[in-house]
Protein backbone atom coordinates (compact mmCIF):
# COMPACT_ATOMS: atom_id res chain seq x y z
CA MET A 1 -64.97 -46.80 117.67
CA THR A 2 -67.01 -44.22 115.81
CA ALA A 3 -65.55 -42.12 112.90
CA VAL A 4 -66.07 -39.13 115.29
CA ASP A 5 -64.00 -40.73 117.70
CA GLN A 6 -61.35 -41.80 115.16
CA LEU A 7 -60.65 -37.64 114.32
CA SER A 8 -60.43 -37.12 117.62
CA ALA A 9 -57.29 -39.32 118.26
CA THR A 10 -55.86 -38.09 115.16
CA ALA A 11 -56.29 -34.33 115.45
CA PRO A 12 -53.95 -33.99 118.34
CA ALA A 13 -50.96 -35.82 116.15
CA GLN A 14 -51.90 -33.96 112.86
CA ALA A 15 -51.42 -30.69 115.05
CA THR A 16 -48.09 -31.85 116.50
CA THR A 17 -46.80 -32.24 112.69
CA ALA A 18 -48.25 -29.35 111.55
CA GLY A 19 -46.13 -27.55 113.94
CA ASP A 20 -42.73 -29.55 114.21
CA PRO A 21 -40.46 -27.02 114.23
CA LEU A 22 -37.92 -29.75 113.28
CA ARG A 23 -39.56 -31.13 110.61
CA ALA A 24 -37.22 -28.43 107.68
CA VAL A 25 -34.10 -30.33 109.52
CA ARG A 26 -34.79 -34.02 109.49
CA LEU A 27 -35.67 -33.08 106.06
CA TRP A 28 -32.41 -31.13 105.19
CA LEU A 29 -30.27 -34.07 107.11
CA TRP A 30 -31.98 -36.76 105.16
CA SER A 31 -30.88 -34.44 101.88
CA VAL A 32 -27.26 -34.17 103.25
CA ALA A 33 -27.14 -38.14 103.70
CA GLY A 34 -28.41 -38.36 100.24
CA LEU A 35 -25.45 -36.51 99.06
CA ILE A 36 -23.23 -38.60 101.36
CA PHE A 37 -24.12 -41.64 99.01
CA ALA A 38 -23.95 -40.63 96.14
CA MET A 39 -20.27 -39.18 97.11
CA VAL A 40 -19.46 -43.20 98.41
CA ILE A 41 -20.98 -44.53 94.92
CA VAL A 42 -18.55 -41.88 92.94
CA GLY A 43 -15.58 -42.50 94.97
CA GLY A 44 -15.68 -46.42 94.43
CA ALA A 45 -16.38 -45.52 90.67
CA THR A 46 -13.19 -43.12 91.13
CA ARG A 47 -11.78 -46.17 92.53
CA LEU A 48 -12.49 -48.98 90.09
CA THR A 49 -11.74 -47.28 87.27
CA GLU A 50 -8.03 -45.84 88.40
CA SER A 51 -9.17 -42.41 88.50
CA GLY A 52 -8.00 -40.93 91.98
CA LEU A 53 -4.76 -39.73 90.95
CA SER A 54 -5.34 -38.11 87.97
CA ILE A 55 -5.06 -35.26 89.48
CA THR A 56 -1.87 -34.18 91.38
CA GLU A 57 -2.64 -31.32 93.34
CA TRP A 58 -4.85 -29.98 95.52
CA LYS A 59 -6.66 -26.60 95.00
CA PRO A 60 -9.89 -25.99 96.84
CA VAL A 61 -10.98 -22.75 94.95
CA SER A 62 -9.44 -22.51 91.50
CA GLY A 63 -9.64 -26.75 90.82
CA VAL A 64 -13.11 -26.14 91.08
CA VAL A 65 -12.77 -25.46 86.81
CA PRO A 66 -11.42 -28.00 84.83
CA PRO A 67 -9.30 -27.53 82.01
CA LEU A 68 -11.00 -25.07 79.59
CA SER A 69 -8.31 -25.16 76.32
CA GLU A 70 -6.37 -28.02 74.81
CA ALA A 71 -3.05 -26.21 76.11
CA ALA A 72 -4.56 -26.71 79.99
CA TRP A 73 -4.94 -30.03 79.21
CA LEU A 74 -1.54 -30.91 78.44
CA ALA A 75 -0.60 -29.72 81.27
CA GLU A 76 -2.53 -31.47 83.52
CA PHE A 77 -1.50 -34.37 81.50
CA GLU A 78 2.19 -34.00 81.79
CA LYS A 79 1.66 -33.22 85.40
CA TYR A 80 0.06 -36.84 85.49
CA LYS A 81 2.59 -38.31 83.73
CA GLN A 82 5.30 -37.70 86.24
CA ILE A 83 3.45 -39.93 88.85
CA PRO A 84 4.66 -43.61 89.36
CA GLN A 85 1.12 -44.41 88.27
CA TYR A 86 1.41 -43.22 84.11
CA SER A 87 4.54 -44.87 83.61
CA GLN A 88 4.21 -48.64 85.78
CA LEU A 89 0.35 -48.86 84.47
CA PHE A 90 -0.87 -46.67 81.59
CA PRO A 91 2.54 -45.83 79.77
CA THR A 92 0.28 -45.44 76.33
CA MET A 93 -2.72 -43.57 77.75
CA THR A 94 -4.40 -41.27 75.44
CA LEU A 95 -5.08 -37.60 76.31
CA GLY A 96 -9.35 -38.52 75.83
CA GLU A 97 -8.21 -41.78 77.76
CA PHE A 98 -7.08 -39.26 80.67
CA GLN A 99 -9.83 -37.07 80.04
CA THR A 100 -12.39 -39.39 81.42
CA ILE A 101 -10.39 -40.29 84.32
CA PHE A 102 -9.68 -36.92 85.02
CA TYR A 103 -13.40 -35.99 85.07
CA TRP A 104 -14.24 -38.83 87.71
CA GLU A 105 -11.95 -37.63 89.96
CA TRP A 106 -13.18 -33.97 89.89
CA GLY A 107 -16.55 -34.81 90.00
CA HIS A 108 -15.51 -36.74 93.18
CA ARG A 109 -14.46 -33.36 94.21
CA ILE A 110 -16.55 -31.53 93.32
CA LEU A 111 -19.19 -32.92 94.53
CA GLY A 112 -17.80 -32.77 97.73
CA ARG A 113 -17.86 -29.26 97.58
CA ILE A 114 -21.31 -29.22 97.30
CA ILE A 115 -21.89 -31.65 100.59
CA GLY A 116 -19.69 -28.98 102.13
CA PHE A 117 -22.39 -26.03 101.27
CA ALA A 118 -25.08 -28.43 101.64
CA PHE A 119 -24.44 -28.89 104.91
CA ALA A 120 -23.05 -25.07 106.37
CA VAL A 121 -25.55 -23.02 104.65
CA PRO A 122 -28.77 -24.69 106.07
CA LEU A 123 -27.32 -25.05 109.50
CA ALA A 124 -26.22 -21.31 109.36
CA LEU A 125 -29.14 -20.57 108.64
CA PHE A 126 -31.43 -22.75 111.07
CA TRP A 127 -29.09 -21.50 113.87
CA LEU A 128 -29.92 -17.57 113.34
CA ARG A 129 -33.46 -18.49 112.82
CA GLY A 130 -32.72 -19.92 116.75
CA VAL A 131 -34.56 -23.84 115.58
CA LEU A 132 -31.56 -25.60 116.96
CA THR A 133 -31.31 -26.63 120.72
CA ARG A 134 -27.35 -26.22 122.49
CA ALA A 135 -27.30 -30.12 122.09
CA LEU A 136 -28.02 -30.33 118.79
CA LYS A 137 -25.97 -27.52 117.71
CA TRP A 138 -23.09 -29.34 119.27
CA ARG A 139 -23.88 -32.21 117.13
CA LEU A 140 -24.11 -30.78 113.85
CA THR A 141 -21.31 -28.28 114.66
CA GLY A 142 -19.03 -31.62 115.14
CA LEU A 143 -20.51 -33.21 111.64
CA LEU A 144 -19.35 -29.96 110.18
CA ALA A 145 -15.89 -30.47 111.68
CA LEU A 146 -15.81 -34.17 110.60
CA GLY A 147 -16.83 -33.18 106.67
CA GLY A 148 -13.69 -30.92 107.18
CA LEU A 149 -11.57 -33.69 108.20
CA GLN A 150 -12.77 -36.13 105.45
CA GLY A 151 -11.61 -33.01 103.00
CA ALA A 152 -8.10 -33.45 104.16
CA ALA A 153 -8.02 -37.27 104.80
CA GLY A 154 -8.93 -37.34 101.07
CA TRP A 155 -5.95 -35.62 99.90
CA TRP A 156 -4.07 -37.12 102.72
CA MET A 157 -4.99 -40.37 100.69
CA VAL A 158 -4.29 -38.92 97.24
CA SER A 159 -0.81 -38.04 98.20
CA SER A 160 0.10 -41.17 99.30
CA GLY A 161 0.31 -42.35 95.38
CA LEU A 162 2.08 -39.67 93.87
CA THR A 163 5.81 -40.29 94.44
CA LYS A 164 6.50 -44.28 95.27
CA ARG A 165 3.11 -46.29 94.78
CA VAL A 166 1.11 -46.47 91.55
CA GLU A 167 -1.65 -46.50 94.24
CA VAL A 168 -3.45 -44.79 97.12
CA ALA A 169 -1.86 -46.42 100.09
CA PRO A 170 -4.84 -49.10 101.22
CA GLU A 171 -4.93 -48.06 105.07
CA ARG A 172 -5.49 -44.20 103.76
CA LEU A 173 -7.96 -45.40 101.67
CA MET A 174 -9.77 -47.22 104.78
CA VAL A 175 -9.62 -44.17 106.54
CA HIS A 176 -11.16 -42.14 103.82
CA LEU A 177 -14.24 -44.53 103.58
CA LEU A 178 -14.91 -44.73 107.42
CA LEU A 179 -14.52 -41.16 107.92
CA ALA A 180 -17.86 -40.87 105.20
CA SER A 181 -19.35 -43.75 106.19
CA ILE A 182 -19.46 -42.53 110.16
CA THR A 183 -20.58 -39.40 109.25
CA PHE A 184 -23.15 -40.77 106.85
CA ALA A 185 -24.66 -42.82 109.52
CA ALA A 186 -24.03 -40.31 112.37
CA ILE A 187 -26.28 -37.51 109.95
CA VAL A 188 -29.31 -40.50 109.60
CA TRP A 189 -28.76 -40.83 113.46
CA ILE A 190 -29.74 -37.53 114.19
CA ALA A 191 -32.67 -37.49 111.68
CA VAL A 192 -33.94 -40.51 113.29
CA GLY A 193 -33.92 -39.02 116.76
CA LEU A 194 -35.73 -35.37 115.97
CA LYS A 195 -38.98 -37.58 114.58
CA PRO A 196 -41.14 -37.50 117.77
CA ALA A 197 -41.92 -41.92 117.91
CA ALA A 198 -43.47 -43.98 120.01
CA ALA A 199 -41.37 -45.83 122.98
CA GLU A 200 -39.78 -49.11 121.79
CA SER A 201 -39.44 -51.85 124.58
CA ALA A 202 -35.59 -52.34 124.33
CA ARG A 203 -34.86 -54.29 126.89
CA GLY A 204 -32.12 -56.98 126.03
CA LEU A 205 -32.42 -55.50 122.49
CA ARG A 206 -30.24 -52.28 122.44
CA ALA A 207 -26.88 -53.92 122.79
CA GLY A 208 -27.40 -56.09 119.82
CA ALA A 209 -28.76 -53.35 117.39
CA MET A 210 -25.60 -51.37 118.74
CA GLY A 211 -23.12 -54.11 117.95
CA LEU A 212 -24.77 -54.40 114.89
CA LEU A 213 -24.04 -51.13 113.51
CA ALA A 214 -20.20 -51.41 115.01
CA LEU A 215 -19.54 -54.31 112.66
CA VAL A 216 -21.05 -53.00 109.88
CA LEU A 217 -18.51 -49.64 110.20
CA THR A 218 -15.99 -52.47 110.81
CA GLN A 219 -16.50 -54.21 107.45
CA ILE A 220 -16.90 -51.08 105.48
CA GLY A 221 -13.07 -50.43 107.03
CA LEU A 222 -12.11 -54.42 106.09
CA GLY A 223 -13.89 -53.17 102.59
CA ALA A 224 -11.55 -50.36 101.84
CA LEU A 225 -8.98 -52.42 102.75
CA VAL A 226 -9.79 -55.20 100.03
CA ALA A 227 -10.57 -52.43 97.49
CA GLY A 228 -7.45 -50.39 97.81
CA SER A 229 -4.62 -53.38 98.05
CA ARG A 230 -6.71 -55.19 95.03
CA ALA A 231 -7.39 -58.32 97.35
CA GLY A 232 -10.20 -58.78 95.55
CA LEU A 233 -8.53 -60.30 92.51
CA THR A 234 -7.65 -63.11 93.89
CA TYR A 235 -8.86 -66.09 95.57
CA ASN A 236 -12.12 -65.83 93.50
CA ASP A 237 -13.42 -69.21 94.48
CA TRP A 238 -15.72 -69.55 97.52
CA PRO A 239 -16.39 -70.88 100.00
CA PHE A 240 -13.27 -71.97 99.74
CA MET A 241 -9.75 -69.48 99.07
CA ALA A 242 -7.17 -71.69 96.39
CA GLY A 243 -9.21 -74.80 97.60
CA HIS A 244 -8.54 -73.96 101.41
CA LEU A 245 -11.35 -73.26 103.83
CA VAL A 246 -8.49 -71.57 105.85
CA PRO A 247 -5.57 -70.34 104.35
CA PRO A 248 -1.97 -72.21 105.70
CA MET A 249 -0.61 -70.32 108.15
CA GLU A 250 2.87 -69.39 106.96
CA HIS A 251 0.02 -67.66 103.30
CA LEU A 252 -1.26 -65.88 106.68
CA ALA A 253 1.17 -64.59 108.30
CA ARG A 254 3.86 -64.14 106.12
CA LEU A 255 5.08 -60.81 106.70
CA GLU A 256 6.79 -59.04 109.80
CA PRO A 257 5.95 -57.75 112.30
CA TRP A 258 2.74 -59.55 112.48
CA TRP A 259 0.41 -56.78 112.33
CA LEU A 260 1.57 -55.77 109.34
CA ASN A 261 -0.03 -58.18 107.46
CA VAL A 262 -3.46 -57.08 108.99
CA LEU A 263 -2.65 -53.55 106.42
CA GLU A 264 -0.38 -55.84 103.61
CA ASN A 265 -1.12 -59.02 103.21
CA ILE A 266 -3.82 -59.65 100.51
CA THR A 267 -4.25 -63.59 101.91
CA LEU A 268 -5.50 -62.27 105.03
CA ILE A 269 -6.93 -58.87 104.14
CA GLN A 270 -9.40 -61.31 101.95
CA PHE A 271 -9.80 -63.54 104.89
CA GLN A 272 -10.58 -61.32 107.40
CA HIS A 273 -13.11 -59.24 105.21
CA ARG A 274 -15.05 -62.77 104.93
CA LEU A 275 -14.56 -63.91 108.69
CA VAL A 276 -16.69 -60.43 109.79
CA ALA A 277 -19.25 -61.05 106.86
CA TYR A 278 -19.95 -64.29 108.34
CA ALA A 279 -20.18 -62.92 111.74
CA LEU A 280 -22.04 -59.88 110.77
CA LEU A 281 -24.62 -62.27 109.09
CA ALA A 282 -24.54 -64.58 112.03
CA LEU A 283 -25.66 -61.27 114.18
CA ALA A 284 -27.98 -60.30 111.95
CA LEU A 285 -29.94 -63.55 112.08
CA TRP A 286 -29.56 -64.04 116.11
CA HIS A 287 -31.02 -60.38 116.22
CA MET A 288 -33.80 -60.82 113.97
CA ILE A 289 -34.76 -63.74 115.74
CA SER A 290 -34.22 -62.73 119.15
CA VAL A 291 -36.30 -59.36 118.58
CA ARG A 292 -39.01 -61.38 116.88
CA ARG A 293 -38.91 -63.26 120.16
CA HIS A 294 -39.32 -60.63 122.70
CA ALA A 295 -41.24 -57.90 120.64
CA ALA A 296 -43.43 -60.21 118.33
CA GLY A 297 -45.01 -58.02 115.52
CA SER A 298 -43.53 -54.45 116.27
CA LYS A 299 -42.33 -52.27 114.29
CA ALA A 300 -38.32 -53.41 115.98
CA ALA A 301 -38.81 -57.27 114.72
CA ARG A 302 -40.11 -55.43 111.19
CA ARG A 303 -37.08 -53.45 111.39
CA ALA A 304 -34.49 -56.63 112.67
CA THR A 305 -35.86 -58.49 109.70
CA ALA A 306 -35.25 -56.17 106.67
CA LEU A 307 -32.34 -55.30 108.29
CA ALA A 308 -31.42 -59.79 108.46
CA GLY A 309 -32.39 -59.39 105.16
CA LEU A 310 -30.41 -56.46 103.65
CA VAL A 311 -27.30 -58.43 104.82
CA SER A 312 -28.05 -61.42 103.58
CA ALA A 313 -28.66 -59.84 100.25
CA GLN A 314 -25.23 -57.81 100.50
CA ALA A 315 -23.42 -61.17 101.36
CA VAL A 316 -24.64 -62.74 98.35
CA ILE A 317 -23.53 -59.95 96.61
CA GLY A 318 -20.18 -59.59 97.92
CA VAL A 319 -19.38 -63.52 97.06
CA VAL A 320 -21.39 -62.45 93.20
CA THR A 321 -18.58 -59.70 93.25
CA LEU A 322 -15.62 -61.88 94.05
CA MET A 323 -16.40 -64.97 91.73
CA LEU A 324 -16.90 -62.43 88.82
CA VAL A 325 -13.29 -60.73 89.66
CA VAL A 326 -14.98 -57.76 90.94
CA PRO A 327 -16.18 -55.93 87.69
CA ILE A 328 -17.50 -52.41 87.90
CA TRP A 329 -21.09 -52.61 88.25
CA ALA A 330 -20.47 -55.42 90.71
CA GLY A 331 -18.28 -53.61 92.61
CA LEU A 332 -20.08 -50.61 92.68
CA LEU A 333 -23.52 -52.34 93.78
CA HIS A 334 -21.50 -53.70 96.65
CA GLN A 335 -20.54 -50.42 97.73
CA ALA A 336 -23.80 -49.22 97.45
CA PHE A 337 -25.73 -51.79 99.17
CA ALA A 338 -23.01 -51.56 102.31
CA MET A 339 -24.68 -47.80 102.63
CA ILE A 340 -28.08 -49.20 102.43
CA VAL A 341 -27.12 -51.34 105.19
CA LEU A 342 -25.43 -49.11 107.08
CA ALA A 343 -28.00 -46.63 106.84
CA MET A 344 -30.67 -49.43 108.32
CA ALA A 345 -28.78 -50.55 111.10
CA ALA A 346 -28.11 -46.89 112.15
CA VAL A 347 -31.86 -46.25 111.79
CA HIS A 348 -32.89 -49.30 113.59
CA ALA A 349 -30.40 -48.77 116.88
CA ARG A 350 -31.30 -45.34 117.01
CA ARG A 351 -34.99 -45.99 117.76
CA LEU A 352 -33.52 -48.84 120.39
CA ALA A 353 -31.75 -46.40 121.75
């Protein structure tokens, strides 16, 4: 092909790109996805530093401004002293230490408000300019509603730790993180779908990609249970658990009714997180081999390989985090990498869908 032919072949694609009316929408969605990623990391730090219960009230408007005087700080500190976490875990906490955990929770809530504005305002502008299709309007409106539900779930989670507990309820933490993860994955899914791309042969491959996406979300939910119940602070050997590959049944099913073990038995909580990690790694490797066999050299094969590599790295980070007894840096790395794996799984599944 001559240089002239090459220019002729690329000219239509360049014209299409230059006139792409949804490019700004894609950039906006990717920006919101980045903010949600940051939100999840800040939320993880808030959990690991025991900061989540430092603000005992939900004030959507006046809560934007933190205490500005010593008297205001002392008033907030007194409210914190009324909950069980202070008396049972931190009875010697100073005002300076309280301010540290307060700012973690305050920053988490402020970032949530920023995300709400960063989504709602551009959505209204794109809507009024007539950029969005009817189907896209419905999807984005659904995401806006999901974001509002996420805010309500956050307070629902915090309220569980203000009376009879010294931490939030693990199952509510799981719901909170899963809603954030589903929102994040949905935004990535929509953003990827708005970019024109060549059709990919997905025969026999789509189910594996969708299965990986579902299993990643499941594992993130189970990870939230581990974090909420502090199950990562126990059984810090690997691949064994207190010397057993499979813990004794009396340890796995010691609570009645039996389903309560899934949510509150730290032995089963950690064991099921390990099992799903093994299943996820096995599925990622099998899917990679399958895609490389049926579509060697394709973009799908490269994505499947990258996804298998990310899942493998996440498994290693998880083991290291466990064996080091969950230092903050390792816990945050593990949570951040989970979102990276989720993003890659969503991109891969959307391209094949």
